[in-house]
Amino acid sequence: MEFSIVTFLLIMAAMALADVCWTLYFIDVEERKAHPAAFWSAMIILVTAFTVTNYVENQIYIAAAFIGAYIGTFGTITWKKKKEIKQDS
C-alpha cells in the first residue's frame, strides 16, 4: 500500500471538519434547532464518506482520522467557549 502525505493531511482535515460538524450538530440538537441540526447531520455523512473511503484502503490513515477528530472537537469547543465568554462580557 502506498502512503501519501497529501492524502494523510486531507483525511486529517476532513475528519477535523467532520468533528466540527458533529459538535455543532449536538449543540443544535440540544437547543432544539431542527434545520441547523439536520444540515450538520447531512454534512457529517458527506465528510465522513470521504474519510472512510480513503482510510479503508490504507489503515495508516486511521491515525490521520484520529488526529483530525481530536483537533476538530477540541477546536470547536474552545471556539464556542470563547464566543460565550465574549457574549457574557
N, C-alpha and C. Protein backbone atom coordinates (compact mmCIF):
# COMPACT_ATOMS: atom_id res chain seq x y z
N MET A 1 0.84 -1.19 0.00
CA MET A 1 0.00 0.00 0.00
C MET A 1 0.88 1.25 0.00
N GLU A 2 0.51 2.16 -0.82
CA GLU A 2 1.27 3.38 -0.97
C GLU A 2 0.82 4.43 0.05
N PHE A 3 1.77 5.18 0.58
CA PHE A 3 1.46 6.24 1.54
C PHE A 3 1.68 7.59 0.87
N SER A 4 0.73 8.50 1.12
CA SER A 4 0.84 9.85 0.58
C SER A 4 0.61 10.85 1.70
N ILE A 5 1.55 11.75 1.90
CA ILE A 5 1.40 12.78 2.94
C ILE A 5 0.23 13.70 2.61
N VAL A 6 -0.01 13.94 1.34
CA VAL A 6 -1.14 14.79 0.94
C VAL A 6 -2.46 14.13 1.34
N THR A 7 -2.58 12.84 1.06
CA THR A 7 -3.79 12.11 1.46
C THR A 7 -3.93 12.10 2.96
N PHE A 8 -2.83 11.89 3.67
CA PHE A 8 -2.84 11.90 5.14
C PHE A 8 -3.40 13.23 5.66
N LEU A 9 -2.88 14.32 5.12
CA LEU A 9 -3.32 15.65 5.56
C LEU A 9 -4.77 15.94 5.16
N LEU A 10 -5.18 15.48 3.99
CA LEU A 10 -6.57 15.68 3.57
C LEU A 10 -7.53 14.90 4.46
N ILE A 11 -7.16 13.68 4.81
CA ILE A 11 -8.00 12.89 5.72
C ILE A 11 -8.06 13.55 7.08
N MET A 12 -6.93 14.03 7.56
CA MET A 12 -6.90 14.71 8.86
C MET A 12 -7.81 15.94 8.83
N ALA A 13 -7.73 16.74 7.78
CA ALA A 13 -8.58 17.93 7.66
C ALA A 13 -10.04 17.56 7.53
N ALA A 14 -10.34 16.52 6.75
CA ALA A 14 -11.73 16.09 6.58
C ALA A 14 -12.31 15.59 7.90
N MET A 15 -11.52 14.86 8.66
CA MET A 15 -12.01 14.36 9.94
C MET A 15 -12.18 15.49 10.95
N ALA A 16 -11.29 16.48 10.89
CA ALA A 16 -11.45 17.65 11.75
C ALA A 16 -12.76 18.35 11.40
N LEU A 17 -13.03 18.50 10.11
CA LEU A 17 -14.28 19.12 9.67
C LEU A 17 -15.48 18.28 10.10
N ALA A 18 -15.37 16.97 10.00
CA ALA A 18 -16.46 16.09 10.43
C ALA A 18 -16.75 16.28 11.91
N ASP A 19 -15.71 16.40 12.72
CA ASP A 19 -15.92 16.58 14.15
C ASP A 19 -16.44 17.97 14.49
N VAL A 20 -16.09 18.96 13.70
CA VAL A 20 -16.72 20.28 13.86
C VAL A 20 -18.22 20.12 13.61
N CYS A 21 -18.56 19.40 12.55
CA CYS A 21 -19.98 19.17 12.23
C CYS A 21 -20.69 18.42 13.35
N TRP A 22 -20.04 17.37 13.87
CA TRP A 22 -20.64 16.61 14.98
C TRP A 22 -20.88 17.50 16.19
N THR A 23 -19.90 18.31 16.54
CA THR A 23 -20.02 19.16 17.72
C THR A 23 -21.14 20.18 17.54
N LEU A 24 -21.18 20.82 16.39
CA LEU A 24 -22.25 21.79 16.12
C LEU A 24 -23.60 21.11 16.02
N TYR A 25 -23.62 19.88 15.51
CA TYR A 25 -24.86 19.10 15.47
C TYR A 25 -25.41 18.90 16.87
N PHE A 26 -24.56 18.45 17.79
CA PHE A 26 -25.03 18.22 19.16
C PHE A 26 -25.48 19.51 19.84
N ILE A 27 -24.79 20.59 19.57
CA ILE A 27 -25.19 21.89 20.14
C ILE A 27 -26.57 22.27 19.63
N ASP A 28 -26.81 22.13 18.32
CA ASP A 28 -28.11 22.47 17.75
C ASP A 28 -29.21 21.53 18.20
N VAL A 29 -28.91 20.25 18.36
CA VAL A 29 -29.91 19.30 18.88
C VAL A 29 -30.31 19.69 20.30
N GLU A 30 -29.30 20.01 21.11
CA GLU A 30 -29.58 20.41 22.49
C GLU A 30 -30.46 21.66 22.55
N GLU A 31 -30.24 22.57 21.60
CA GLU A 31 -31.02 23.81 21.57
C GLU A 31 -32.31 23.66 20.77
N ARG A 32 -32.61 22.43 20.33
CA ARG A 32 -33.85 22.10 19.59
C ARG A 32 -33.98 22.88 18.29
N LYS A 33 -32.88 23.10 17.59
CA LYS A 33 -32.87 23.78 16.29
C LYS A 33 -32.87 22.72 15.20
N ALA A 34 -34.04 22.44 14.64
CA ALA A 34 -34.21 21.32 13.72
C ALA A 34 -33.44 21.50 12.41
N HIS A 35 -33.61 22.62 11.74
CA HIS A 35 -32.95 22.80 10.44
C HIS A 35 -31.43 22.85 10.55
N PRO A 36 -30.87 23.62 11.47
CA PRO A 36 -29.40 23.59 11.60
C PRO A 36 -28.87 22.20 11.96
N ALA A 37 -29.58 21.49 12.85
CA ALA A 37 -29.14 20.14 13.23
C ALA A 37 -29.20 19.20 12.02
N ALA A 38 -30.24 19.32 11.21
CA ALA A 38 -30.37 18.48 10.02
C ALA A 38 -29.25 18.79 9.02
N PHE A 39 -28.90 20.06 8.88
CA PHE A 39 -27.79 20.44 7.99
C PHE A 39 -26.49 19.79 8.46
N TRP A 40 -26.19 19.91 9.76
CA TRP A 40 -24.95 19.34 10.28
C TRP A 40 -24.95 17.83 10.14
N SER A 41 -26.09 17.20 10.30
CA SER A 41 -26.20 15.75 10.14
C SER A 41 -25.84 15.34 8.72
N ALA A 42 -26.36 16.06 7.74
CA ALA A 42 -26.05 15.76 6.34
C ALA A 42 -24.56 16.00 6.05
N MET A 43 -24.00 17.05 6.61
CA MET A 43 -22.58 17.34 6.42
C MET A 43 -21.70 16.24 7.02
N ILE A 44 -22.12 15.69 8.15
CA ILE A 44 -21.37 14.60 8.78
C ILE A 44 -21.25 13.43 7.82
N ILE A 45 -22.35 13.06 7.19
CA ILE A 45 -22.34 11.94 6.24
C ILE A 45 -21.43 12.25 5.06
N LEU A 46 -21.55 13.44 4.52
CA LEU A 46 -20.77 13.82 3.35
C LEU A 46 -19.26 13.78 3.63
N VAL A 47 -18.85 14.41 4.70
CA VAL A 47 -17.43 14.50 5.02
C VAL A 47 -16.87 13.15 5.49
N THR A 48 -17.64 12.42 6.26
CA THR A 48 -17.18 11.13 6.75
C THR A 48 -17.04 10.12 5.61
N ALA A 49 -17.91 10.21 4.62
CA ALA A 49 -17.81 9.29 3.48
C ALA A 49 -16.45 9.43 2.79
N PHE A 50 -15.99 10.65 2.60
CA PHE A 50 -14.67 10.88 2.01
C PHE A 50 -13.59 10.25 2.87
N THR A 51 -13.68 10.47 4.16
CA THR A 51 -12.65 9.98 5.08
C THR A 51 -12.58 8.46 5.08
N VAL A 52 -13.72 7.83 5.26
CA VAL A 52 -13.76 6.37 5.36
C VAL A 52 -13.29 5.71 4.07
N THR A 53 -13.71 6.22 2.93
CA THR A 53 -13.30 5.58 1.67
C THR A 53 -11.79 5.66 1.48
N ASN A 54 -11.14 6.62 2.08
CA ASN A 54 -9.69 6.73 1.95
C ASN A 54 -8.92 5.87 2.94
N TYR A 55 -9.36 5.79 4.19
CA TYR A 55 -8.55 5.01 5.13
C TYR A 55 -8.88 3.52 5.11
N VAL A 56 -9.94 3.13 4.41
CA VAL A 56 -10.21 1.70 4.26
C VAL A 56 -9.11 1.06 3.41
N GLU A 57 -8.59 1.81 2.44
CA GLU A 57 -7.54 1.29 1.56
C GLU A 57 -6.19 1.16 2.26
N ASN A 58 -5.92 2.03 3.21
CA ASN A 58 -4.62 2.01 3.88
C ASN A 58 -4.84 2.39 5.34
N GLN A 59 -4.65 1.44 6.22
CA GLN A 59 -5.00 1.65 7.63
C GLN A 59 -4.13 2.67 8.34
N ILE A 60 -3.02 3.06 7.78
CA ILE A 60 -2.20 4.10 8.41
C ILE A 60 -2.97 5.42 8.46
N TYR A 61 -3.92 5.58 7.54
CA TYR A 61 -4.70 6.81 7.51
C TYR A 61 -5.69 6.91 8.68
N ILE A 62 -5.86 5.82 9.41
CA ILE A 62 -6.69 5.88 10.62
C ILE A 62 -6.06 6.86 11.61
N ALA A 63 -4.73 6.92 11.63
CA ALA A 63 -4.05 7.88 12.51
C ALA A 63 -4.41 9.31 12.12
N ALA A 64 -4.53 9.57 10.82
CA ALA A 64 -4.93 10.91 10.36
C ALA A 64 -6.35 11.22 10.82
N ALA A 65 -7.24 10.23 10.73
CA ALA A 65 -8.62 10.41 11.18
C ALA A 65 -8.67 10.68 12.68
N PHE A 66 -7.85 9.96 13.43
CA PHE A 66 -7.79 10.14 14.88
C PHE A 66 -7.34 11.56 15.24
N ILE A 67 -6.26 12.00 14.62
CA ILE A 67 -5.72 13.34 14.90
C ILE A 67 -6.73 14.42 14.48
N GLY A 68 -7.32 14.24 13.31
CA GLY A 68 -8.31 15.21 12.83
C GLY A 68 -9.53 15.29 13.73
N ALA A 69 -9.99 14.14 14.22
CA ALA A 69 -11.15 14.13 15.11
C ALA A 69 -10.86 14.90 16.40
N TYR A 70 -9.68 14.67 16.95
CA TYR A 70 -9.29 15.38 18.17
C TYR A 70 -9.26 16.89 17.93
N ILE A 71 -8.59 17.29 16.86
CA ILE A 71 -8.45 18.72 16.55
C ILE A 71 -9.81 19.36 16.30
N GLY A 72 -10.68 18.67 15.57
CA GLY A 72 -11.99 19.22 15.25
C GLY A 72 -12.85 19.47 16.48
N THR A 73 -12.94 18.51 17.35
CA THR A 73 -13.76 18.67 18.55
C THR A 73 -13.14 19.67 19.51
N PHE A 74 -11.85 19.54 19.77
CA PHE A 74 -11.17 20.45 20.68
C PHE A 74 -11.29 21.90 20.20
N GLY A 75 -11.04 22.12 18.92
CA GLY A 75 -11.11 23.47 18.37
C GLY A 75 -12.50 24.06 18.42
N THR A 76 -13.51 23.26 18.12
CA THR A 76 -14.89 23.76 18.12
C THR A 76 -15.34 24.12 19.53
N ILE A 77 -15.05 23.28 20.49
CA ILE A 77 -15.47 23.57 21.86
C ILE A 77 -14.72 24.77 22.41
N THR A 78 -13.43 24.88 22.11
CA THR A 78 -12.66 26.04 22.55
C THR A 78 -13.23 27.32 21.93
N TRP A 79 -13.54 27.29 20.65
CA TRP A 79 -14.14 28.44 19.96
C TRP A 79 -15.49 28.80 20.57
N LYS A 80 -16.31 27.80 20.85
CA LYS A 80 -17.65 28.03 21.41
C LYS A 80 -17.54 28.66 22.80
N LYS A 81 -16.61 28.18 23.62
CA LYS A 81 -16.44 28.74 24.96
C LYS A 81 -15.98 30.19 24.89
N LYS A 82 -15.04 30.50 23.99
CA LYS A 82 -14.57 31.89 23.84
C LYS A 82 -15.70 32.79 23.36
N LYS A 83 -16.51 32.28 22.47
CA LYS A 83 -17.65 33.04 21.95
C LYS A 83 -18.65 33.34 23.08
N GLU A 84 -18.93 32.37 23.93
CA GLU A 84 -19.85 32.55 25.04
C GLU A 84 -19.30 33.53 26.06
N ILE A 85 -18.00 33.47 26.34
CA ILE A 85 -17.38 34.40 27.28
C ILE A 85 -17.47 35.83 26.73
N LYS A 86 -17.23 35.97 25.43
CA LYS A 86 -17.30 37.28 24.79
C LYS A 86 -18.72 37.85 24.86
N GLN A 87 -19.74 37.00 24.70
CA GLN A 87 -21.13 37.43 24.75
C GLN A 87 -21.54 37.84 26.17
N ASP A 88 -20.96 37.18 27.17
CA ASP A 88 -21.29 37.49 28.56
C ASP A 88 -20.66 38.80 29.03
N SER A 89 -19.62 39.25 28.33
CA SER A 89 -18.90 40.47 28.74
C SER A 89 -19.66 41.71 28.41
